[in-house]
Structures are given as C-alpha cells and as structure tokens.
Amino acid sequence: MGTVKKEFAVPPVVFPSGGNPNLQQRRVATAPFQPPRSTGSSIPFMSFDIGSAAAASTSSGSIYGGSIVGGSVPGGANFEVEEPLLDELGIHPDQIWKKTKSILNPFRVRPDVHKDSDLSGPILLYMFFGLFQLLAGKIQFGVILGWIVVSSIFLYVVFNMLAGRNGNLNLHTCTSVVGYCMLPVVVLSAVSLFLPQAGIMRFAVAGVFVLWATRICTSLMVSLADGGDEHRGLIAYACFLIFTLFSLLVIF
C-alpha cells in the first residue's frame, strides 16, 4: 500500500535589508538629554565639566570668591580676625596670673582682680596639688576634687545664711575664690616634700600656711559679696576649717 505525499505552499521570506538573514539590523541608541555647556559661567562646577572645574580651582585658588592663599574661607570669614583658642574656651592666662599674684601677699587683698570669677586657675592649682601629693606617694586626685566641691557648697551656704537677704554671693564666685585661695596649701604640699615626716616643725609650717589661706579667703569673701562684713569672724572660722582639712592631707 503506497504513501501519499501532500505538499504545502510556504510563502517566501523577504528581508528588508536584502542581505544575510542571520544578521539582525541594530538600532543605534540615542544619547540622553544633556544640558548645554555654559562657556561664560563664573562658577566652575555649574558647567558640568570636571576638568575645567579642577583647572579653574587650581589656577585661581578660590571658590565662591574666597581666596585660600589670602587666608579667607568661603562665606567671607577670615582667620586673621578669629579669636585665640584659649579666649574661646574662656581661659585667660593673664587674668590667672594676676589672681595668683594677688594671693601671694596676705596683707594686701585685691578684690577687684577677683570680680570676674573663673575656674581655669583653680583647676590648674588642683592639678599641682594632686601632683605634689603624688610625688609624696599619695594618690588623692579624686579626694581633692570631691573635697573642693563639698567645701565650696559649704562656704556658699554658710555665707548666705549669715548674710540673709543682703547676701549676693553665687556658687561660681565662691568656688573660684576657694580655688585660688588654695595656693598656700599647694605651696605647703611642695614644701612638705623637703620636711621631716614627723616633728613639731611640720605642724608649725602647716599652721602658717593655713592662716595665710584663711585670711585671704575671708577678705575676698567679705569684699566681693554684700552682707558679710559684720560676720567676718564666723566666715573666717568656716574658711579655717576648710583649709585645715586640706592641710591634713599634706601632714598625714
């Protein structure tokens, strides 16, 4: 029995290019929109040309119209008119030195120098006090700082209770005065390094420095605040207790 073959009519395939059918016609991609380059722009980075911006900044040395070589920065600031770093931090070495010198003479008190209270000088004296104690074999930095805080609050409360409504002493001024009046105790800690560990001489020297610090602190407290002149004796007793307490750290 024979097979019957059936033929199908297939239309011919026609390529538009007329070339090889295995090669596909590629579509050329168009570039996205780009803003026109400005040739007369005064700001280099607005021209969208990295090379020209780098060249312009290197050659002129300025951006936003400020000259880097001249010392000015963008925004019109100038390093020459900036305050020193110590002044910005509130540290004035000339005032610290004047206040320290005023403590050296116990018979001539200068309260006008201590009207502007600060804590930079007292912190420096505390560091020296702790350093001299460390040389004596005593690590007391934390004890000194804690006792200073408690002593300042104690003297502040006592003074305002005695002065009553007339008292205008603030805690910052009280802490500053107590800190600067610690100078005799700091000198005592330095002198005690060369004194014998036991003997009456050590107590006698400590008593002189305690009376020195008490007189200075009492005079400054009464002069800087109102209402404490009539209670000078009680204020002097409170100051005597404070500096005696610190001298005990040096003696023992």
Protein backbone atom coordinates (compact mmCIF):
# COMPACT_ATOMS: atom_id res chain seq x y z
CA MET A 1 0.00 0.00 0.00
CA GLY A 2 1.71 3.25 -1.05
CA THR A 3 2.04 6.52 0.99
CA VAL A 4 0.51 9.70 -0.34
CA LYS A 5 2.69 12.83 -0.16
CA LYS A 6 0.98 16.16 0.39
CA GLU A 7 2.70 19.39 -0.48
CA PHE A 8 2.15 22.68 1.45
CA ALA A 9 2.62 26.06 -0.11
CA VAL A 10 5.14 28.11 2.00
CA PRO A 11 5.41 31.80 1.16
CA PRO A 12 8.96 33.07 0.71
CA VAL A 13 10.63 35.17 3.49
CA VAL A 14 11.78 38.56 2.34
CA PHE A 15 14.35 40.60 4.42
CA PRO A 16 14.17 44.35 4.09
CA SER A 17 17.94 44.79 4.03
CA GLY A 18 18.33 42.27 1.35
CA GLY A 19 21.45 40.90 2.99
CA ASN A 20 22.24 37.92 5.13
CA PRO A 21 19.17 36.79 7.10
CA ASN A 22 21.33 35.73 10.08
CA LEU A 23 22.41 39.33 10.75
CA GLN A 24 19.90 41.43 12.67
CA GLN A 25 19.57 45.05 12.00
CA ARG A 26 20.87 47.04 15.02
CA ARG A 27 19.27 50.19 16.26
CA VAL A 28 21.60 52.98 17.08
CA ALA A 29 20.97 54.28 20.65
CA THR A 30 20.49 57.94 21.00
CA ALA A 31 22.22 59.85 23.79
CA PRO A 32 20.05 61.17 26.66
CA PHE A 33 19.33 64.82 27.04
CA GLN A 34 22.33 66.85 28.12
CA PRO A 35 22.12 70.50 29.17
CA PRO A 36 24.13 72.87 27.07
CA ARG A 37 27.54 73.72 28.45
CA SER A 38 27.92 77.23 29.63
CA THR A 39 31.13 78.84 28.46
CA GLY A 40 30.83 82.08 30.43
CA SER A 41 29.78 80.70 33.84
CA SER A 42 31.62 82.24 36.79
CA ILE A 43 31.08 79.14 38.96
CA PRO A 44 33.19 76.22 37.66
CA PHE A 45 31.06 73.33 38.89
CA MET A 46 27.94 74.68 37.16
CA SER A 47 29.48 73.97 33.79
CA PHE A 48 29.24 70.17 34.31
CA ASP A 49 32.85 69.86 33.28
CA ILE A 50 35.06 68.24 35.91
CA GLY A 51 38.25 69.02 34.11
CA SER A 52 37.51 72.70 33.72
CA ALA A 53 36.37 72.97 37.36
CA ALA A 54 39.58 71.40 38.65
CA ALA A 55 41.69 73.60 36.45
CA ALA A 56 39.81 76.72 37.46
CA SER A 57 40.06 75.95 41.18
CA THR A 58 43.76 75.15 40.88
CA SER A 59 44.65 78.24 38.91
CA SER A 60 42.57 80.77 40.79
CA GLY A 61 42.64 79.07 44.22
CA SER A 62 39.19 80.40 45.08
CA ILE A 63 35.66 79.11 45.25
CA TYR A 64 32.71 81.36 45.98
CA GLY A 65 35.04 84.25 45.53
CA GLY A 66 37.20 83.49 48.64
CA SER A 67 40.97 83.22 48.35
CA ILE A 68 42.51 80.24 50.11
CA VAL A 69 46.02 81.67 49.93
CA GLY A 70 44.94 85.00 51.37
CA GLY A 71 43.51 83.34 54.50
CA SER A 72 39.80 83.87 53.85
CA VAL A 73 37.40 80.97 53.55
CA PRO A 74 34.04 80.59 51.74
CA GLY A 75 31.43 82.76 53.31
CA GLY A 76 33.64 85.77 53.89
CA ALA A 77 35.29 84.57 57.16
CA ASN A 78 38.90 85.45 57.84
CA PHE A 79 41.33 83.56 60.05
CA GLU A 80 43.12 86.75 60.99
CA VAL A 81 40.08 88.13 62.84
CA GLU A 82 39.36 84.89 64.72
CA GLU A 83 39.85 84.92 68.49
CA PRO A 84 42.60 82.76 70.02
CA LEU A 85 41.60 79.28 71.09
CA LEU A 86 42.18 79.96 74.79
CA ASP A 87 39.89 83.01 74.68
CA GLU A 88 37.14 80.98 73.01
CA LEU A 89 37.44 78.35 75.77
CA GLY A 90 37.24 81.05 78.45
CA ILE A 91 40.86 80.62 79.58
CA HIS A 92 42.74 83.89 80.09
CA PRO A 93 46.34 83.29 81.22
CA ASP A 94 46.92 86.97 82.06
CA GLN A 95 43.95 87.02 84.45
CA ILE A 96 45.02 83.74 86.03
CA TRP A 97 48.48 85.14 86.66
CA LYS A 98 47.12 88.38 88.17
CA LYS A 99 44.79 86.49 90.51
CA THR A 100 47.57 84.13 91.54
CA LYS A 101 49.90 87.03 92.34
CA SER A 102 47.20 88.72 94.41
CA ILE A 103 47.10 85.67 96.71
CA LEU A 104 50.84 85.82 97.42
CA ASN A 105 50.54 88.88 99.68
CA PRO A 106 48.21 88.12 102.61
CA PHE A 107 48.38 91.70 103.91
CA ARG A 108 47.24 93.33 100.68
CA VAL A 109 44.00 91.95 99.31
CA ARG A 110 42.92 92.94 95.80
CA PRO A 111 39.23 92.03 95.39
CA ASP A 112 38.94 93.97 92.12
CA VAL A 113 41.05 91.31 90.39
CA HIS A 114 38.68 88.52 91.51
CA LYS A 115 35.44 90.15 90.38
CA ASP A 116 35.47 88.12 87.17
CA SER A 117 35.33 84.61 88.54
CA ASP A 118 36.70 81.66 86.59
CA LEU A 119 37.53 78.02 87.21
CA SER A 120 40.57 77.66 84.95
CA GLY A 121 43.04 78.84 87.58
CA PRO A 122 41.56 76.73 90.42
CA ILE A 123 41.63 73.59 88.27
CA LEU A 124 45.30 74.27 87.50
CA LEU A 125 46.06 74.65 91.22
CA TYR A 126 44.19 71.42 91.99
CA MET A 127 46.30 69.62 89.42
CA PHE A 128 49.52 70.92 91.01
CA PHE A 129 48.25 69.97 94.45
CA GLY A 130 47.49 66.45 93.30
CA LEU A 131 50.86 66.25 91.54
CA PHE A 132 52.81 67.22 94.68
CA GLN A 133 50.80 64.74 96.69
CA LEU A 134 51.60 62.10 94.09
CA LEU A 135 55.31 62.87 94.48
CA ALA A 136 54.83 62.26 98.21
CA GLY A 137 53.37 58.83 97.45
CA LYS A 138 49.70 59.79 97.88
CA ILE A 139 47.17 59.36 95.08
CA GLN A 140 44.46 61.85 96.07
CA PHE A 141 43.14 63.43 92.88
CA GLY A 142 39.60 62.21 93.47
CA VAL A 143 39.68 63.16 97.15
CA ILE A 144 40.88 66.69 96.38
CA LEU A 145 38.20 67.24 93.76
CA GLY A 146 35.43 65.90 96.00
CA TRP A 147 36.51 67.96 98.99
CA ILE A 148 36.72 71.11 96.89
CA VAL A 149 33.12 70.66 95.70
CA VAL A 150 31.84 69.99 99.22
CA SER A 151 33.87 72.88 100.70
CA SER A 152 32.61 75.37 98.11
CA ILE A 153 28.99 74.40 98.71
CA PHE A 154 29.53 74.52 102.48
CA LEU A 155 31.04 78.01 102.43
CA TYR A 156 28.37 79.22 99.99
CA VAL A 157 25.55 78.03 102.27
CA VAL A 158 27.19 79.43 105.43
CA PHE A 159 27.83 82.84 103.91
CA ASN A 160 24.32 83.26 102.54
CA MET A 161 22.75 82.10 105.78
CA LEU A 162 24.78 84.66 107.73
CA ALA A 163 24.20 87.48 105.26
CA GLY A 164 20.49 86.79 104.93
CA ARG A 165 18.67 88.80 102.31
CA ASN A 166 21.66 91.07 101.76
CA GLY A 167 23.86 88.21 100.62
CA ASN A 168 24.53 88.12 96.88
CA LEU A 169 27.32 85.54 96.73
CA ASN A 170 26.85 82.96 93.97
CA LEU A 171 28.32 79.47 93.89
CA HIS A 172 30.58 80.15 90.91
CA THR A 173 32.29 83.06 92.65
CA CYS A 174 32.62 81.08 95.86
CA THR A 175 34.24 78.14 94.04
CA SER A 176 36.63 80.48 92.23
CA VAL A 177 37.72 82.22 95.45
CA VAL A 178 38.22 78.97 97.35
CA GLY A 179 40.19 77.56 94.43
CA TYR A 180 42.59 80.49 94.19
CA CYS A 181 43.00 80.60 97.98
CA MET A 182 44.24 77.01 97.77
CA LEU A 183 47.58 78.40 96.59
CA PRO A 184 49.11 78.44 100.13
CA VAL A 185 48.07 74.81 100.59
CA VAL A 186 49.67 73.94 97.24
CA VAL A 187 52.89 75.65 98.36
CA LEU A 188 52.65 73.70 101.62
CA SER A 189 52.41 70.42 99.72
CA ALA A 190 55.53 71.36 97.76
CA VAL A 191 57.47 72.43 100.88
CA SER A 192 56.43 69.31 102.79
CA LEU A 193 58.43 67.19 100.35
CA PHE A 194 61.59 68.56 101.99
CA LEU A 195 60.37 68.49 105.61
CA PRO A 196 60.80 65.57 108.01
CA GLN A 197 57.87 63.23 108.22
CA ALA A 198 57.45 63.62 111.97
CA GLY A 199 58.03 66.58 114.26
CA ILE A 200 56.56 69.81 115.51
CA MET A 201 58.13 71.76 112.65
CA ARG A 202 55.77 70.16 110.13
CA PHE A 203 52.71 71.25 112.12
CA ALA A 204 54.07 74.77 112.64
CA VAL A 205 54.69 75.30 108.92
CA ALA A 206 51.24 73.91 108.11
CA GLY A 207 49.65 76.32 110.61
CA VAL A 208 51.30 79.32 108.97
CA PHE A 209 50.03 78.38 105.53
CA VAL A 210 46.53 77.67 106.85
CA LEU A 211 46.34 81.12 108.48
CA TRP A 212 47.60 82.66 105.25
CA ALA A 213 44.86 80.99 103.16
CA THR A 214 42.19 81.77 105.78
CA ARG A 215 42.98 85.49 105.86
CA ILE A 216 42.95 85.82 102.07
CA CYS A 217 39.75 83.83 101.59
CA THR A 218 37.88 85.70 104.33
CA SER A 219 38.86 89.12 102.99
CA LEU A 220 37.86 88.21 99.43
CA MET A 221 34.52 86.78 100.55
CA VAL A 222 33.62 89.88 102.53
CA SER A 223 34.78 92.25 99.78
CA LEU A 224 33.13 90.52 96.82
CA ALA A 225 29.71 89.96 98.41
CA ASP A 226 27.46 92.18 100.48
CA GLY A 227 26.24 91.43 103.97
CA GLY A 228 29.24 89.52 105.30
CA ASP A 229 31.28 92.27 106.95
CA GLU A 230 29.55 92.00 110.30
CA HIS A 231 30.00 88.21 110.29
CA ARG A 232 33.68 88.22 109.41
CA GLY A 233 34.62 86.07 112.41
CA LEU A 234 32.20 83.26 111.55
CA ILE A 235 33.21 83.32 107.88
CA ALA A 236 36.87 83.17 108.91
CA TYR A 237 36.11 80.16 111.12
CA ALA A 238 34.46 78.34 108.19
CA CYS A 239 37.44 79.11 105.94
CA PHE A 240 39.83 77.96 108.68
CA LEU A 241 38.06 74.59 108.86
CA ILE A 242 38.23 74.16 105.07
CA PHE A 243 41.96 74.82 104.73
CA THR A 244 42.80 72.87 107.86
CA LEU A 245 41.08 69.90 106.29
CA PHE A 246 43.25 70.16 103.20
CA SER A 247 46.40 70.65 105.24
CA LEU A 248 45.71 67.36 106.99
CA LEU A 249 46.07 65.65 103.64
CA VAL A 250 49.60 67.05 103.43
CA ILE A 251 50.68 66.41 107.03
CA PHE A 252 49.49 62.81 107.36
